[in-house]
Amino acid sequence: MSNFSVYFSLGLGHILNWAALDHLLFILSLTCVYVVSDYKKLLWLVTAFTLGHSITLALATLQLIQVNIAWVEFLIPCTILVAAISNLIQTEQRYKYGVVAFFGLIHGLGFSNYLQSLLGAESSIFTPLLAFNVGLEIGQLVVVALILASSILSLHVLKWKQTAYIQVISGITIGLVLPMILERWP
């Protein structure tokens, strides 16, 4: 069971970490358009992202797919930019599970090299991958809860309009992700 807890901690630490700013910004972009009463939709969105992330993580770890990591590292902030711009131009909650899962596929490839090096000595990757992804999912749910708490504060205490809240969060996200895109240009 300690093997499970090691990989669980890695998954949790992967998301609950400022070094994972791109991952955090992606979750922020997805979550900021929802309110607490939409928690079921959010749970499914986060799970769709984790499933996509898990698929490419497993395929790349098993060396069934190989990609140019420079392109993956470039595409990750591009997915964030697309999500944030989408928040600014669409007025309804719009994220579809398939789109979020596709973005998860891209994000999963970004972490696969590191995880592959960690799993090198493992005889089976099933338990480590499961533990890592459960940790990742729980970490994402913690981040979602914090973002929803921020929306409660902004919308109900500070009396912001939801549109203004979405515009501010999306604008900040765009401002943070544009330098990442320029730095990671392949």
C-alpha atoms as a PDB file:
ATOM      1  CA  MET A   1       0.000   0.000   0.000  1.00  0.00           C
ATOM      2  CA  SER A   2       2.934   2.348   0.498  1.00  0.00           C
ATOM      3  CA  ASN A   3       3.560   2.187  -3.272  1.00  0.00           C
ATOM      4  CA  PHE A   4       0.002   3.421  -3.790  1.00  0.00           C
ATOM      5  CA  SER A   5       0.484   6.255  -1.316  1.00  0.00           C
ATOM      6  CA  VAL A   6       3.744   7.352  -2.967  1.00  0.00           C
ATOM      7  CA  TYR A   7       2.099   7.729  -6.374  1.00  0.00           C
ATOM      8  CA  PHE A   8      -1.058   9.174  -4.825  1.00  0.00           C
ATOM      9  CA  SER A   9       1.109  11.854  -3.189  1.00  0.00           C
ATOM     10  CA  LEU A  10       2.845  12.513  -6.511  1.00  0.00           C
ATOM     11  CA  GLY A  11      -0.520  13.048  -8.224  1.00  0.00           C
ATOM     12  CA  LEU A  12      -1.755  15.290  -5.442  1.00  0.00           C
ATOM     13  CA  GLY A  13       1.520  17.205  -5.425  1.00  0.00           C
ATOM     14  CA  HIS A  14       1.448  17.544  -9.197  1.00  0.00           C
ATOM     15  CA  ILE A  15      -1.652  19.723  -9.006  1.00  0.00           C
ATOM     16  CA  LEU A  16      -1.304  21.354  -5.575  1.00  0.00           C
ATOM     17  CA  ASN A  17       1.930  23.023  -6.515  1.00  0.00           C
ATOM     18  CA  TRP A  18       2.801  26.457  -7.949  1.00  0.00           C
ATOM     19  CA  ALA A  19       5.146  24.687 -10.368  1.00  0.00           C
ATOM     20  CA  ALA A  20       1.949  23.344 -11.971  1.00  0.00           C
ATOM     21  CA  LEU A  21       0.760  26.875 -12.769  1.00  0.00           C
ATOM     22  CA  ASP A  22      -0.325  25.861 -16.266  1.00  0.00           C
ATOM     23  CA  HIS A  23      -2.495  23.076 -14.840  1.00  0.00           C
ATOM     24  CA  LEU A  24      -3.944  25.425 -12.215  1.00  0.00           C
ATOM     25  CA  LEU A  25      -4.707  28.088 -14.820  1.00  0.00           C
ATOM     26  CA  PHE A  26      -6.488  25.526 -16.965  1.00  0.00           C
ATOM     27  CA  ILE A  27      -8.705  24.467 -14.062  1.00  0.00           C
ATOM     28  CA  LEU A  28      -9.311  28.130 -13.234  1.00  0.00           C
ATOM     29  CA  SER A  29     -10.376  28.821 -16.829  1.00  0.00           C
ATOM     30  CA  LEU A  30     -12.806  25.918 -16.787  1.00  0.00           C
ATOM     31  CA  THR A  31     -14.214  26.564 -13.350  1.00  0.00           C
ATOM     32  CA  CYS A  32     -14.670  30.345 -13.266  1.00  0.00           C
ATOM     33  CA  VAL A  33     -17.813  30.218 -15.435  1.00  0.00           C
ATOM     34  CA  TYR A  34     -19.655  28.004 -12.952  1.00  0.00           C
ATOM     35  CA  VAL A  35     -21.282  28.636  -9.586  1.00  0.00           C
ATOM     36  CA  VAL A  36     -21.624  26.306  -6.621  1.00  0.00           C
ATOM     37  CA  SER A  37     -25.012  24.967  -7.751  1.00  0.00           C
ATOM     38  CA  ASP A  38     -23.261  23.647 -10.898  1.00  0.00           C
ATOM     39  CA  TYR A  39     -21.047  21.340  -8.850  1.00  0.00           C
ATOM     40  CA  LYS A  40     -22.249  18.181 -10.646  1.00  0.00           C
ATOM     41  CA  LYS A  41     -21.257  19.594 -14.048  1.00  0.00           C
ATOM     42  CA  LEU A  42     -17.896  20.594 -12.607  1.00  0.00           C
ATOM     43  CA  LEU A  43     -17.275  17.158 -11.135  1.00  0.00           C
ATOM     44  CA  TRP A  44     -17.917  15.604 -14.534  1.00  0.00           C
ATOM     45  CA  LEU A  45     -15.713  18.168 -16.305  1.00  0.00           C
ATOM     46  CA  VAL A  46     -12.807  17.575 -13.933  1.00  0.00           C
ATOM     47  CA  THR A  47     -13.277  13.827 -14.329  1.00  0.00           C
ATOM     48  CA  ALA A  48     -13.347  14.145 -18.153  1.00  0.00           C
ATOM     49  CA  PHE A  49     -10.083  16.075 -17.970  1.00  0.00           C
ATOM     50  CA  THR A  50      -8.532  13.448 -15.686  1.00  0.00           C
ATOM     51  CA  LEU A  51      -9.659  10.636 -18.007  1.00  0.00           C
ATOM     52  CA  GLY A  52      -8.041  12.333 -20.992  1.00  0.00           C
ATOM     53  CA  HIS A  53      -4.932  13.027 -18.921  1.00  0.00           C
ATOM     54  CA  SER A  54      -4.856   9.385 -17.775  1.00  0.00           C
ATOM     55  CA  ILE A  55      -5.158   7.942 -21.280  1.00  0.00           C
ATOM     56  CA  THR A  56      -2.165   9.749 -22.740  1.00  0.00           C
ATOM     57  CA  LEU A  57      -0.210   9.345 -19.530  1.00  0.00           C
ATOM     58  CA  ALA A  58      -0.692   5.569 -19.753  1.00  0.00           C
ATOM     59  CA  LEU A  59      -0.051   5.371 -23.514  1.00  0.00           C
ATOM     60  CA  ALA A  60       3.108   7.452 -23.302  1.00  0.00           C
ATOM     61  CA  THR A  61       4.352   5.643 -20.189  1.00  0.00           C
ATOM     62  CA  LEU A  62       3.875   2.316 -21.960  1.00  0.00           C
ATOM     63  CA  GLN A  63       5.690   3.863 -24.921  1.00  0.00           C
ATOM     64  CA  LEU A  64       2.727   3.177 -27.207  1.00  0.00           C
ATOM     65  CA  ILE A  65       2.835   6.777 -28.391  1.00  0.00           C
ATOM     66  CA  GLN A  66       5.733   9.139 -28.696  1.00  0.00           C
ATOM     67  CA  VAL A  67       5.426  12.852 -29.242  1.00  0.00           C
ATOM     68  CA  ASN A  68       7.691  15.818 -29.547  1.00  0.00           C
ATOM     69  CA  ILE A  69       7.651  17.206 -26.000  1.00  0.00           C
ATOM     70  CA  ALA A  70       8.414  20.734 -27.257  1.00  0.00           C
ATOM     71  CA  TRP A  71       5.102  20.766 -29.120  1.00  0.00           C
ATOM     72  CA  VAL A  72       3.229  19.361 -26.135  1.00  0.00           C
ATOM     73  CA  GLU A  73       4.714  21.985 -23.809  1.00  0.00           C
ATOM     74  CA  PHE A  74       3.641  24.641 -26.331  1.00  0.00           C
ATOM     75  CA  LEU A  75       0.118  23.226 -26.762  1.00  0.00           C
ATOM     76  CA  ILE A  76      -0.604  23.111 -23.028  1.00  0.00           C
ATOM     77  CA  PRO A  77      -0.736  26.910 -22.579  1.00  0.00           C
ATOM     78  CA  CYS A  78      -2.591  27.129 -25.904  1.00  0.00           C
ATOM     79  CA  THR A  79      -5.414  25.038 -24.384  1.00  0.00           C
ATOM     80  CA  ILE A  80      -5.545  27.491 -21.486  1.00  0.00           C
ATOM     81  CA  LEU A  81      -5.680  30.450 -23.853  1.00  0.00           C
ATOM     82  CA  VAL A  82      -8.521  28.855 -25.831  1.00  0.00           C
ATOM     83  CA  ALA A  83     -10.491  28.213 -22.626  1.00  0.00           C
ATOM     84  CA  ALA A  84      -9.958  31.746 -21.305  1.00  0.00           C
ATOM     85  CA  ILE A  85     -10.870  33.404 -24.620  1.00  0.00           C
ATOM     86  CA  SER A  86     -13.919  31.167 -24.832  1.00  0.00           C
ATOM     87  CA  ASN A  87     -14.996  32.534 -21.445  1.00  0.00           C
ATOM     88  CA  LEU A  88     -14.863  36.070 -22.833  1.00  0.00           C
ATOM     89  CA  ILE A  89     -16.769  35.493 -26.070  1.00  0.00           C
ATOM     90  CA  GLN A  90     -19.480  33.063 -24.996  1.00  0.00           C
ATOM     91  CA  THR A  91     -22.245  33.998 -22.618  1.00  0.00           C
ATOM     92  CA  GLU A  92     -23.457  30.550 -21.577  1.00  0.00           C
ATOM     93  CA  GLN A  93     -21.769  27.694 -19.778  1.00  0.00           C
ATOM     94  CA  ARG A  94     -20.271  25.944 -22.700  1.00  0.00           C
ATOM     95  CA  TYR A  95     -17.651  23.396 -21.866  1.00  0.00           C
ATOM     96  CA  LYS A  96     -18.313  20.030 -23.396  1.00  0.00           C
ATOM     97  CA  TYR A  97     -16.863  16.920 -21.833  1.00  0.00           C
ATOM     98  CA  GLY A  98     -15.232  15.828 -25.096  1.00  0.00           C
ATOM     99  CA  VAL A  99     -13.358  19.116 -25.507  1.00  0.00           C
ATOM    100  CA  VAL A 100     -12.158  19.020 -21.906  1.00  0.00           C
ATOM    101  CA  ALA A 101     -11.106  15.370 -22.278  1.00  0.00           C
ATOM    102  CA  PHE A 102      -9.191  16.303 -25.466  1.00  0.00           C
ATOM    103  CA  PHE A 103      -7.390  19.062 -23.569  1.00  0.00           C
ATOM    104  CA  GLY A 104      -6.660  16.459 -20.878  1.00  0.00           C
ATOM    105  CA  LEU A 105      -5.014  14.279 -23.545  1.00  0.00           C
ATOM    106  CA  ILE A 106      -2.598  17.124 -24.305  1.00  0.00           C
ATOM    107  CA  HIS A 107      -1.881  17.876 -20.647  1.00  0.00           C
ATOM    108  CA  GLY A 108      -1.267  14.183 -19.903  1.00  0.00           C
ATOM    109  CA  LEU A 109       1.465  14.063 -22.514  1.00  0.00           C
ATOM    110  CA  GLY A 110       3.237  16.914 -20.754  1.00  0.00           C
ATOM    111  CA  PHE A 111       3.797  14.917 -17.577  1.00  0.00           C
ATOM    112  CA  SER A 112       4.421  11.552 -19.198  1.00  0.00           C
ATOM    113  CA  ASN A 113       8.236  11.834 -19.502  1.00  0.00           C
ATOM    114  CA  TYR A 114       8.634  12.495 -15.791  1.00  0.00           C
ATOM    115  CA  LEU A 115       6.224   9.742 -14.781  1.00  0.00           C
ATOM    116  CA  GLN A 116       7.840   7.353 -17.249  1.00  0.00           C
ATOM    117  CA  SER A 117      11.205   7.853 -15.547  1.00  0.00           C
ATOM    118  CA  LEU A 118       9.604   7.220 -12.127  1.00  0.00           C
ATOM    119  CA  LEU A 119       7.849   4.068 -13.303  1.00  0.00           C
ATOM    120  CA  GLY A 120      10.911   2.611 -14.969  1.00  0.00           C
ATOM    121  CA  ALA A 121      11.501   0.078 -12.201  1.00  0.00           C
ATOM    122  CA  GLU A 122       7.839  -0.865 -11.693  1.00  0.00           C
ATOM    123  CA  SER A 123       6.748  -4.299 -12.882  1.00  0.00           C
ATOM    124  CA  SER A 124       3.184  -3.085 -13.467  1.00  0.00           C
ATOM    125  CA  ILE A 125       2.083   0.464 -14.088  1.00  0.00           C
ATOM    126  CA  PHE A 126      -1.605  -0.083 -13.271  1.00  0.00           C
ATOM    127  CA  THR A 127      -1.451   0.639  -9.540  1.00  0.00           C
ATOM    128  CA  PRO A 128       0.995   3.571  -9.805  1.00  0.00           C
ATOM    129  CA  LEU A 129      -1.058   5.154 -12.610  1.00  0.00           C
ATOM    130  CA  LEU A 130      -4.297   4.631 -10.717  1.00  0.00           C
ATOM    131  CA  ALA A 131      -2.815   6.096  -7.537  1.00  0.00           C
ATOM    132  CA  PHE A 132      -1.322   9.057  -9.407  1.00  0.00           C
ATOM    133  CA  ASN A 133      -4.605   9.821 -11.151  1.00  0.00           C
ATOM    134  CA  VAL A 134      -6.676   9.480  -7.979  1.00  0.00           C
ATOM    135  CA  GLY A 135      -4.296  11.943  -6.307  1.00  0.00           C
ATOM    136  CA  LEU A 136      -4.550  14.248  -9.313  1.00  0.00           C
ATOM    137  CA  GLU A 137      -8.355  14.089  -9.286  1.00  0.00           C
ATOM    138  CA  ILE A 138      -8.576  14.869  -5.574  1.00  0.00           C
ATOM    139  CA  GLY A 139      -6.101  17.716  -5.997  1.00  0.00           C
ATOM    140  CA  GLN A 140      -8.155  19.146  -8.848  1.00  0.00           C
ATOM    141  CA  LEU A 141     -11.305  18.952  -6.739  1.00  0.00           C
ATOM    142  CA  VAL A 142      -9.530  20.896  -3.987  1.00  0.00           C
ATOM    143  CA  VAL A 143      -8.593  23.568  -6.532  1.00  0.00           C
ATOM    144  CA  VAL A 144     -12.170  23.645  -7.875  1.00  0.00           C
ATOM    145  CA  ALA A 145     -13.493  24.080  -4.314  1.00  0.00           C
ATOM    146  CA  LEU A 146     -11.123  27.016  -3.749  1.00  0.00           C
ATOM    147  CA  ILE A 147     -12.197  28.634  -7.018  1.00  0.00           C
ATOM    148  CA  LEU A 148     -15.871  28.169  -6.120  1.00  0.00           C
ATOM    149  CA  ALA A 149     -15.174  29.753  -2.713  1.00  0.00           C
ATOM    150  CA  SER A 150     -13.602  32.684  -4.574  1.00  0.00           C
ATOM    151  CA  SER A 151     -16.710  32.997  -6.722  1.00  0.00           C
ATOM    152  CA  ILE A 152     -18.945  32.979  -3.632  1.00  0.00           C
ATOM    153  CA  LEU A 153     -16.838  35.765  -2.132  1.00  0.00           C
ATOM    154  CA  SER A 154     -16.826  37.773  -5.370  1.00  0.00           C
ATOM    155  CA  LEU A 155     -20.467  37.280  -6.339  1.00  0.00           C
ATOM    156  CA  HIS A 156     -22.223  37.277  -2.972  1.00  0.00           C
ATOM    157  CA  VAL A 157     -20.008  39.245  -0.601  1.00  0.00           C
ATOM    158  CA  LEU A 158     -18.402  41.764  -2.961  1.00  0.00           C
ATOM    159  CA  LYS A 159     -21.545  41.786  -5.154  1.00  0.00           C
ATOM    160  CA  TRP A 160     -19.706  41.480  -8.477  1.00  0.00           C
ATOM    161  CA  LYS A 161     -21.722  40.508 -11.486  1.00  0.00           C
ATOM    162  CA  GLN A 162     -20.847  37.030 -12.711  1.00  0.00           C
ATOM    163  CA  THR A 163     -19.888  38.441 -16.110  1.00  0.00           C
ATOM    164  CA  ALA A 164     -17.383  40.797 -14.490  1.00  0.00           C
ATOM    165  CA  TYR A 165     -15.952  37.978 -12.374  1.00  0.00           C
ATOM    166  CA  ILE A 166     -15.492  35.773 -15.457  1.00  0.00           C
ATOM    167  CA  GLN A 167     -13.908  38.645 -17.401  1.00  0.00           C
ATOM    168  CA  VAL A 168     -11.433  39.467 -14.617  1.00  0.00           C
ATOM    169  CA  ILE A 169     -10.413  35.832 -14.049  1.00  0.00           C
ATOM    170  CA  SER A 170     -10.142  35.139 -17.783  1.00  0.00           C
ATOM    171  CA  GLY A 171      -8.191  38.352 -18.396  1.00  0.00           C
ATOM    172  CA  ILE A 172      -5.701  37.524 -15.646  1.00  0.00           C
ATOM    173  CA  THR A 173      -5.380  33.995 -17.021  1.00  0.00           C
ATOM    174  CA  ILE A 174      -4.697  35.301 -20.536  1.00  0.00           C
ATOM    175  CA  GLY A 175      -2.100  37.707 -19.142  1.00  0.00           C
ATOM    176  CA  LEU A 176      -0.318  34.856 -17.346  1.00  0.00           C
ATOM    177  CA  VAL A 177      -0.505  32.333 -20.189  1.00  0.00           C
ATOM    178  CA  LEU A 178       0.661  34.502 -23.105  1.00  0.00           C
ATOM    179  CA  PRO A 179       4.276  34.616 -21.829  1.00  0.00           C
ATOM    180  CA  MET A 180       4.168  30.819 -21.408  1.00  0.00           C
ATOM    181  CA  ILE A 181       3.146  30.440 -25.041  1.00  0.00           C
ATOM    182  CA  LEU A 182       5.943  32.735 -26.220  1.00  0.00           C
ATOM    183  CA  GLU A 183       8.536  30.999 -24.021  1.00  0.00           C
ATOM    184  CA  ARG A 184       7.479  27.541 -25.203  1.00  0.00           C
ATOM    185  CA  TRP A 185       7.265  28.277 -28.921  1.00  0.00           C
ATOM    186  CA  PRO A 186       8.815  25.157 -30.515  1.00  0.00           C
END
